[in-house]
Structure formats: C-alpha cells, structure tokens
Amino acid sequence: MAKTILDFEKPLEELEQKLDEMRTLAATVELSSEIAVMEGKIEALRTETYRNLTRWQRVQLARHPERPYALDHILAMSPDFVELHGDRNVRDDPAIVGGFGTLEPFGSVMWIGHQKGRDTKQNVIRNFGMPNPEGYRKALRLMKLAEKFGKPVVTLLDTPGAFPGIEAEERGQAEAIARNLFEMARLNVPIVVTIIGEGASGGALGIGVGDRILMLENAWYSVISPESCSSILWRSWNYKEQAAEALKLTALDMLSQGIIDRIVPEPLGGAHRDPQVMFDTFKQILVEELEALRELHLLESQSALTRRTEKFSRMGVWNEIPEVVHSPEEVGFPEAQPAETAESESL
C-alpha cells in the first residue's frame, strides 16, 4: 500500500524527503552537521504540527487508511483470539467482529468491534465498516454469551455509521440498535467501550453503552459526520471544517463534556506512526480499567442497570443561571413616562 500523506502533513513530508537525499549524499560528502540541523527542524515541525491539530485534521487522522483497526488491536493484545460468527438468524456480518481472547494479565474477555477493510476488495467485504442489523444482533448474541460465562465485554468503535440501505431497514436496523442499547444497559458484566477511530451516530452507539468509555486521542465521536452536517446546514460539503469545529467531536471535547471517561494517548502523528506503542499503551489502560471495574463489580451492591443509567443521565446536564431583571434606573435608562404626558410634551 502506498504511503498516505494528508494535506497538513505535506510540509513535513517534503523536509523528510530532503533529509533522505542528504543521507544518501553523506556517503560521499561530509554532511553530518547539516543532517543534524535538518533533523532538528523536522522534529520541531512535527511537534508543532501534531500538537496543534484542528478538529477537522483529527477527523482526517481518525480515517487514515494505515490506522490500526479493531482486529489489529485485538490480535496485538489477545494473540489467542477466537472469532465467533453469525447472528443465528440471517447471516454473519463482517462489519462487526467478535470473540473471546485472553488479555494478559487480566484474563479472558469478549472482544467486539467494527471492522473496516484495507483496500477496496476488503472494504466491499466489510461494507466499509457499516454494520447491517445482523451485525448488531451478532454483537448482542456475543454479549449474552459473555454474561453467561461471567466475562467482561470490550467494544471497539470505528464506523462512519450503520448501513443505511433499504435491505438494512427491511431487516430492522433501528430495532436492532435500540435492542442493543436496552440490553447493554442491563448486562450483568463489566463493559469497557473505546472509540478507536470514527464514532458516528447510532451506528457507533449500537455497541457503545458501557461502564467506562475511553477514546483514542485522534478519534472522533459525534451524532453526525462533519460532511453530512455541512450538507444539511450549508447544502454543500465545502463547510466540513466549520462543521467539525461546531460539532466539538474530538477526545478533548468529549472529556470536557463528561461523555467519555479517559483519553488514550497516541504516538506523535497518530496511532499508525508506531502501532506497537499504541497497542502497549492501550493494553495498559484497558487492564487498569477492567481491574477497577472487576473490583467495583465485586464490592458494589448497585445493579449494572442503575449504575449505567446514572452514568448516562449525567451526560448533557448543565446549570442554568436565573435571569436577573434590572430596573431602568439600574441600567442607566430614564424612567418611562405615561402616554398622555409624553403626548402633551410633544405638542
């Protein structure tokens, strides 16, 4: 696969190409000092670029074709992962994957996640990560299986949305997602949800109800994509950057609004820059969260339904400041005169 360079990364890529040329010439010419200077410039530009990303630029990173997908994360953390297939009703939906795997040193967990493809052929098979109703029903079947054996559920969200085709609607797309929300709210095992890339609309929320919600640093989570928001408000996709700013869909935005509980740091430049570091960081945080939930699950008498209901009810809560009504004198306006007085003075 050819290396993908995003628009805002092009100045950095140009400097890196020059550095490669200098290193090639260094075999015949002494360029060690020049190379050191160039390396310093590249490092400074890289830090400046990725530490000051706009919301739209983070959306672009979340969609990067080299970014680790659900199966990449799962297989890196659980090499013994066994994928389970089918919803026992219609068919297997490759847009959602799931199965048991061992997460050391915690133990066995049920992994469930959206899965995209790396090329056109794989994306056609995976339906570009957009699940059909049978995908959500498969996910629910696996959650119930995890509950039966007392295993925690870990979900990885990365979808542009549930599949909006006629056939998906015919098979009950809305009902399948709603059923998952209902069942996940009361599932009697710990659930950790992580947005690893795109978290769009009900397609993401269909496997997104949990005790802890994590989010990778350059992922996004919103009721609608910036492009769709732009097309609705401005009748054009040309305002997607403004839409991204208005939607406040980044990990920092979600944390400040209390929608997620924790941000998972990524390597500088995105998860695809150093996947192994990403996997190690994610695994450490995931084990910490699962251990804390296991202890809470053992000690707390509160039901899972009550706990999750309270958690999600706190989202979007704000305090209203009562409006203070001032008299005209307090704000510097003259007292209003009676109508007849004003008329006589005007005459």
Protein backbone atom coordinates (compact mmCIF):
# COMPACT_ATOMS: atom_id res chain seq x y z
CA MET A 1 0.00 0.00 0.00
CA ALA A 2 1.34 3.43 -0.97
CA LYS A 3 2.08 5.77 1.91
CA THR A 4 -0.79 8.18 2.54
CA ILE A 5 0.13 11.81 3.20
CA LEU A 6 -2.58 14.14 4.49
CA ASP A 7 -2.67 17.75 3.26
CA PHE A 8 -1.40 19.26 6.51
CA GLU A 9 1.47 16.72 6.58
CA LYS A 10 2.93 17.74 3.20
CA PRO A 11 5.43 20.36 4.52
CA LEU A 12 6.77 17.74 6.94
CA GLU A 13 6.98 15.12 4.19
CA GLU A 14 8.98 17.50 1.97
CA LEU A 15 11.55 18.05 4.73
CA GLU A 16 11.80 14.30 5.34
CA GLN A 17 12.46 13.71 1.63
CA LYS A 18 15.25 16.30 1.71
CA LEU A 19 16.71 14.58 4.76
CA ASP A 20 16.71 11.25 2.91
CA GLU A 21 18.56 12.89 -0.01
CA MET A 22 21.14 14.37 2.36
CA ARG A 23 21.71 10.98 3.99
CA THR A 24 22.27 9.46 0.55
CA LEU A 25 24.83 12.15 -0.32
CA ALA A 26 26.52 11.71 3.06
CA ALA A 27 28.14 8.54 1.70
CA THR A 28 30.41 10.72 -0.46
CA VAL A 29 30.24 14.18 1.21
CA GLU A 30 30.58 15.22 4.85
CA LEU A 31 27.09 16.43 5.80
CA SER A 32 26.76 15.38 9.44
CA SER A 33 26.22 18.91 10.79
CA GLU A 34 23.67 19.76 8.07
CA ILE A 35 21.84 16.49 8.72
CA ALA A 36 21.67 17.24 12.45
CA VAL A 37 20.21 20.70 11.74
CA MET A 38 17.64 19.24 9.36
CA GLU A 39 16.65 16.56 11.90
CA GLY A 40 16.11 19.30 14.47
CA LYS A 41 13.89 21.25 12.06
CA ILE A 42 11.83 18.16 11.27
CA GLU A 43 11.35 17.28 14.93
CA ALA A 44 10.29 20.85 15.77
CA LEU A 45 7.85 20.98 12.84
CA ARG A 46 6.44 17.54 13.68
CA THR A 47 5.78 18.57 17.28
CA GLU A 48 4.23 21.89 16.24
CA THR A 49 2.03 20.23 13.61
CA TYR A 50 0.60 17.41 15.71
CA ARG A 51 0.26 19.33 18.97
CA ASN A 52 -1.92 21.98 17.32
CA LEU A 53 -4.31 19.97 15.17
CA THR A 54 -7.70 21.38 14.26
CA ARG A 55 -10.80 19.27 14.79
CA TRP A 56 -11.04 18.53 11.07
CA GLN A 57 -7.40 17.41 10.99
CA ARG A 58 -8.13 14.96 13.81
CA VAL A 59 -11.06 13.62 11.79
CA GLN A 60 -8.63 13.04 8.90
CA LEU A 61 -6.24 11.17 11.20
CA ALA A 62 -9.10 9.04 12.54
CA ARG A 63 -9.82 7.98 8.93
CA HIS A 64 -6.19 7.38 7.97
CA PRO A 65 -6.07 4.17 5.88
CA GLU A 66 -2.97 2.95 7.76
CA ARG A 67 -4.54 3.44 11.19
CA PRO A 68 -4.92 0.23 13.27
CA TYR A 69 -8.42 -1.23 13.02
CA ALA A 70 -10.29 -3.35 15.55
CA LEU A 71 -8.72 -6.69 14.58
CA ASP A 72 -5.24 -5.12 14.68
CA HIS A 73 -5.80 -4.05 18.29
CA ILE A 74 -7.47 -7.31 19.28
CA LEU A 75 -4.81 -9.61 17.80
CA ALA A 76 -2.00 -7.50 19.25
CA MET A 77 -3.46 -7.70 22.76
CA SER A 78 -5.01 -11.19 22.53
CA PRO A 79 -2.96 -13.45 20.22
CA ASP A 80 -5.23 -16.38 21.12
CA PHE A 81 -8.35 -14.52 19.95
CA VAL A 82 -11.05 -16.87 18.56
CA GLU A 83 -13.55 -15.13 16.29
CA LEU A 84 -17.19 -16.19 16.53
CA HIS A 85 -19.57 -15.72 13.60
CA GLY A 86 -23.24 -15.29 12.80
CA ASP A 87 -26.36 -13.89 14.42
CA ARG A 88 -28.21 -17.27 14.30
CA ASN A 89 -30.90 -15.57 12.26
CA VAL A 90 -29.80 -14.12 8.89
CA ARG A 91 -26.05 -14.34 8.29
CA ASP A 92 -22.63 -13.27 9.53
CA ASP A 93 -21.89 -9.56 9.18
CA PRO A 94 -18.15 -8.98 8.54
CA ALA A 95 -18.52 -5.29 9.51
CA ILE A 96 -18.65 -6.39 13.16
CA VAL A 97 -16.16 -8.89 14.58
CA GLY A 98 -16.18 -10.55 17.98
CA GLY A 99 -14.97 -13.44 20.06
CA PHE A 100 -13.12 -14.50 23.21
CA GLY A 101 -9.46 -13.71 23.80
CA THR A 102 -7.05 -13.53 26.73
CA LEU A 103 -5.93 -10.08 27.83
CA GLU A 104 -2.85 -10.61 29.99
CA PRO A 105 -2.60 -10.25 32.93
CA PHE A 106 -6.34 -9.63 33.38
CA GLY A 107 -7.78 -12.81 31.86
CA SER A 108 -10.37 -13.74 29.25
CA VAL A 109 -12.62 -11.04 27.74
CA MET A 110 -15.20 -10.82 24.99
CA TRP A 111 -13.95 -8.57 22.20
CA ILE A 112 -16.47 -6.87 19.88
CA GLY A 113 -15.65 -4.19 17.32
CA HIS A 114 -16.40 -2.54 14.00
CA GLN A 115 -14.00 -3.69 11.28
CA LYS A 116 -13.03 -1.80 8.10
CA GLY A 117 -11.02 -3.05 5.12
CA ARG A 118 -7.54 -2.05 4.00
CA ASP A 119 -8.30 -1.95 0.27
CA THR A 120 -11.34 -1.79 -2.00
CA LYS A 121 -11.88 -5.54 -2.03
CA GLN A 122 -11.73 -5.83 1.75
CA ASN A 123 -13.92 -2.76 2.20
CA VAL A 124 -16.60 -4.29 -0.03
CA ILE A 125 -16.49 -7.43 2.13
CA ARG A 126 -16.55 -5.38 5.36
CA ASN A 127 -19.12 -2.94 3.91
CA PHE A 128 -16.73 -0.08 4.77
CA GLY A 129 -17.27 -0.77 8.46
CA MET A 130 -21.02 -0.04 8.27
CA PRO A 131 -22.93 -2.85 10.03
CA ASN A 132 -26.25 -4.33 8.98
CA PRO A 133 -28.84 -5.36 11.60
CA GLU A 134 -27.38 -8.86 11.73
CA GLY A 135 -24.08 -7.32 12.85
CA TYR A 136 -25.71 -5.75 15.89
CA ARG A 137 -27.63 -8.96 16.59
CA LYS A 138 -24.39 -10.93 16.41
CA ALA A 139 -22.82 -8.46 18.86
CA LEU A 140 -25.76 -8.91 21.23
CA ARG A 141 -25.51 -12.70 20.99
CA LEU A 142 -21.83 -12.48 21.96
CA MET A 143 -22.57 -10.12 24.86
CA LYS A 144 -25.12 -12.56 26.23
CA LEU A 145 -22.57 -15.35 25.85
CA ALA A 146 -20.04 -13.29 27.81
CA GLU A 147 -22.65 -12.68 30.51
CA LYS A 148 -23.37 -16.41 30.71
CA PHE A 149 -19.71 -17.17 31.46
CA GLY A 150 -19.10 -14.06 33.57
CA LYS A 151 -16.59 -12.45 31.19
CA PRO A 152 -16.18 -8.68 30.68
CA VAL A 153 -17.08 -7.13 27.34
CA VAL A 154 -14.67 -4.81 25.49
CA THR A 155 -16.05 -2.98 22.46
CA LEU A 156 -14.04 -1.05 19.87
CA LEU A 157 -15.96 1.61 17.95
CA ASP A 158 -14.84 2.60 14.44
CA THR A 159 -17.65 3.19 11.96
CA PRO A 160 -18.94 6.00 9.72
CA GLY A 161 -22.43 4.84 10.73
CA ALA A 162 -24.82 1.92 10.47
CA PHE A 163 -25.55 0.82 6.90
CA PRO A 164 -28.45 2.99 5.58
CA GLY A 165 -29.52 0.70 2.71
CA ILE A 166 -33.09 -0.40 2.04
CA GLU A 167 -32.28 -4.03 2.86
CA ALA A 168 -30.92 -3.00 6.28
CA GLU A 169 -34.11 -1.09 7.02
CA GLU A 170 -36.20 -4.06 5.87
CA ARG A 171 -34.41 -6.31 8.37
CA GLY A 172 -34.93 -3.86 11.24
CA GLN A 173 -31.84 -1.67 11.55
CA ALA A 174 -33.36 0.74 14.05
CA GLU A 175 -34.83 -2.04 16.19
CA ALA A 176 -31.51 -3.92 16.27
CA ILE A 177 -29.62 -0.85 17.52
CA ALA A 178 -32.34 0.03 20.03
CA ARG A 179 -32.37 -3.54 21.35
CA ASN A 180 -28.60 -3.38 21.91
CA LEU A 181 -28.92 -0.13 23.85
CA PHE A 182 -31.60 -1.72 26.04
CA GLU A 183 -29.69 -4.95 26.65
CA MET A 184 -26.26 -3.38 27.16
CA ALA A 185 -27.68 -1.05 29.80
CA ARG A 186 -28.55 -4.03 31.98
CA LEU A 187 -25.85 -6.55 31.03
CA ASN A 188 -24.55 -8.02 34.27
CA VAL A 189 -20.83 -7.97 33.43
CA PRO A 190 -18.38 -5.04 33.18
CA ILE A 191 -18.32 -3.25 29.79
CA VAL A 192 -15.48 -1.04 28.55
CA VAL A 193 -16.14 0.93 25.37
CA THR A 194 -13.34 2.54 23.33
CA ILE A 195 -13.68 4.79 20.29
CA ILE A 196 -10.57 3.86 18.26
CA GLY A 197 -11.36 5.81 15.08
CA GLU A 198 -14.70 7.08 13.83
CA GLY A 199 -17.65 7.05 16.20
CA ALA A 200 -20.61 8.17 14.13
CA SER A 201 -24.24 8.27 15.19
CA GLY A 202 -26.29 5.25 16.29
CA GLY A 203 -24.01 3.00 14.27
CA ALA A 204 -21.35 3.53 16.93
CA LEU A 205 -23.73 3.71 19.88
CA GLY A 206 -25.17 0.29 18.97
CA ILE A 207 -22.18 -1.26 20.75
CA GLY A 208 -21.31 1.85 22.78
CA VAL A 209 -23.12 1.58 26.13
CA GLY A 210 -20.76 0.71 28.97
CA ASP A 211 -19.40 1.32 32.45
CA ARG A 212 -16.29 3.09 31.16
CA ILE A 213 -15.94 4.93 27.86
CA LEU A 214 -12.43 5.51 26.55
CA MET A 215 -11.35 7.33 23.40
CA LEU A 216 -8.12 7.37 21.44
CA GLU A 217 -6.51 10.80 21.20
CA ASN A 218 -7.19 11.30 17.48
CA ALA A 219 -10.58 9.61 17.25
CA TRP A 220 -13.89 11.45 16.84
CA TYR A 221 -17.36 10.82 18.30
CA SER A 222 -20.50 12.61 17.15
CA VAL A 223 -24.15 12.26 16.21
CA ILE A 224 -23.23 13.11 12.60
CA SER A 225 -20.14 13.37 10.41
CA PRO A 226 -18.78 16.84 9.52
CA GLU A 227 -19.59 16.31 5.84
CA SER A 228 -23.20 15.35 6.49
CA CYS A 229 -23.60 18.22 8.93
CA SER A 230 -22.20 20.61 6.32
CA SER A 231 -24.54 19.29 3.62
CA ILE A 232 -27.58 19.80 5.89
CA LEU A 233 -26.69 23.28 7.16
CA TRP A 234 -24.98 24.75 4.08
CA ARG A 235 -26.24 22.43 1.29
CA SER A 236 -22.59 21.69 0.48
CA TRP A 237 -19.70 19.60 1.80
CA ASN A 238 -17.37 22.59 1.43
CA TYR A 239 -18.00 23.69 5.02
CA LYS A 240 -16.97 20.43 6.67
CA GLU A 241 -14.13 22.12 8.58
CA GLN A 242 -16.51 24.67 10.12
CA ALA A 243 -18.94 21.85 10.89
CA ALA A 244 -16.21 19.87 12.67
CA GLU A 245 -15.42 22.89 14.84
CA ALA A 246 -19.10 23.40 15.70
CA LEU A 247 -19.69 19.72 16.49
CA LYS A 248 -16.88 19.61 19.09
CA LEU A 249 -16.23 15.94 18.33
CA THR A 250 -12.65 15.36 19.50
CA ALA A 251 -11.49 13.40 22.54
CA LEU A 252 -10.74 16.59 24.49
CA ASP A 253 -14.22 17.91 23.71
CA MET A 254 -15.83 14.65 24.80
CA LEU A 255 -13.84 14.57 28.04
CA SER A 256 -14.70 18.17 28.91
CA GLN A 257 -18.40 17.44 28.35
CA GLY A 258 -18.32 14.30 30.50
CA ILE A 259 -19.24 11.98 27.63
CA ILE A 260 -16.06 9.89 27.90
CA ASP A 261 -14.07 8.94 30.99
CA ARG A 262 -10.49 8.81 29.72
CA ILE A 263 -8.31 9.63 26.71
CA VAL A 264 -5.87 7.00 25.43
CA PRO A 265 -2.70 8.82 24.22
CA GLU A 266 -1.42 8.08 20.72
CA PRO A 267 2.14 8.26 19.37
CA LEU A 268 3.00 11.68 17.94
CA GLY A 269 1.48 11.79 14.46
CA GLY A 270 -1.22 9.21 15.10
CA ALA A 271 -1.64 5.55 16.02
CA HIS A 272 -0.37 4.41 12.59
CA ARG A 273 3.05 6.03 13.16
CA ASP A 274 4.01 3.46 15.79
CA PRO A 275 1.33 0.77 16.15
CA GLN A 276 3.25 -1.26 18.74
CA VAL A 277 3.50 1.72 21.09
CA MET A 278 -0.21 2.31 20.52
CA PHE A 279 -1.07 -1.31 21.37
CA ASP A 280 1.10 -1.29 24.50
CA THR A 281 -0.40 1.97 25.78
CA PHE A 282 -3.95 0.87 25.04
CA LYS A 283 -3.44 -2.51 26.69
CA GLN A 284 -2.06 -0.98 29.87
CA ILE A 285 -5.00 1.42 30.19
CA LEU A 286 -7.54 -1.26 29.32
CA VAL A 287 -6.19 -3.62 32.00
CA GLU A 288 -6.30 -0.79 34.57
CA GLU A 289 -9.94 -0.02 33.74
CA LEU A 290 -11.02 -3.68 33.76
CA GLU A 291 -9.30 -4.34 37.10
CA ALA A 292 -11.06 -1.31 38.62
CA LEU A 293 -14.42 -2.45 37.24
CA ARG A 294 -13.91 -6.00 38.48
CA GLU A 295 -13.27 -4.72 41.99
CA LEU A 296 -16.29 -2.41 41.75
CA HIS A 297 -18.44 -5.25 40.45
CA LEU A 298 -17.47 -7.45 43.40
CA LEU A 299 -17.88 -4.78 46.09
CA GLU A 300 -20.84 -2.75 44.87
CA SER A 301 -24.42 -3.77 45.64
CA GLN A 302 -25.78 -1.38 42.98
CA SER A 303 -27.12 -3.10 39.87
CA ALA A 304 -25.47 -2.64 36.46
CA LEU A 305 -28.68 -1.05 35.15
CA THR A 306 -28.78 1.54 37.94
CA ARG A 307 -25.07 2.31 37.61
CA ARG A 308 -25.19 2.79 33.82
CA THR A 309 -28.46 4.71 33.95
CA GLU A 310 -26.92 7.18 36.40
CA LYS A 311 -23.77 7.45 34.28
CA PHE A 312 -25.58 8.27 31.05
CA SER A 313 -28.12 10.51 32.80
CA ARG A 314 -25.26 12.76 33.94
CA MET A 315 -24.27 13.45 30.34
CA GLY A 316 -25.52 16.76 28.99
CA VAL A 317 -26.52 18.14 32.38
CA TRP A 318 -25.92 21.86 32.93
CA ASN A 319 -26.76 24.55 35.48
CA GLU A 320 -28.98 27.45 34.45
CA ILE A 321 -28.25 30.85 35.95
CA PRO A 322 -31.54 32.62 36.78
CA GLU A 323 -32.09 35.75 34.71
CA VAL A 324 -31.83 38.90 36.81
CA VAL A 325 -34.31 41.65 35.83
CA HIS A 326 -32.93 45.13 36.44
CA SER A 327 -34.93 48.35 36.75
CA PRO A 328 -34.42 51.04 34.06
CA GLU A 329 -32.52 53.21 36.56
CA GLU A 330 -30.04 50.40 37.31
CA VAL A 331 -29.05 50.07 33.69
CA GLY A 332 -28.95 53.82 33.04
CA PHE A 333 -32.23 54.29 31.13
CA PRO A 334 -34.71 57.07 32.07
CA GLU A 335 -37.98 56.02 33.64
CA ALA A 336 -40.76 55.53 31.09
CA GLN A 337 -43.33 58.37 31.04
CA PRO A 338 -47.13 57.89 30.88
CA ALA A 339 -48.51 58.05 27.35
CA GLU A 340 -50.56 61.24 27.90
CA THR A 341 -47.58 63.12 29.38
CA ALA A 342 -45.36 62.17 26.50
CA GLU A 343 -48.05 63.33 24.07
CA SER A 344 -48.55 66.70 25.76
CA GLU A 345 -44.82 67.40 25.82
CA SER A 346 -44.54 66.59 22.15
CA LEU A 347 -47.27 69.13 21.39
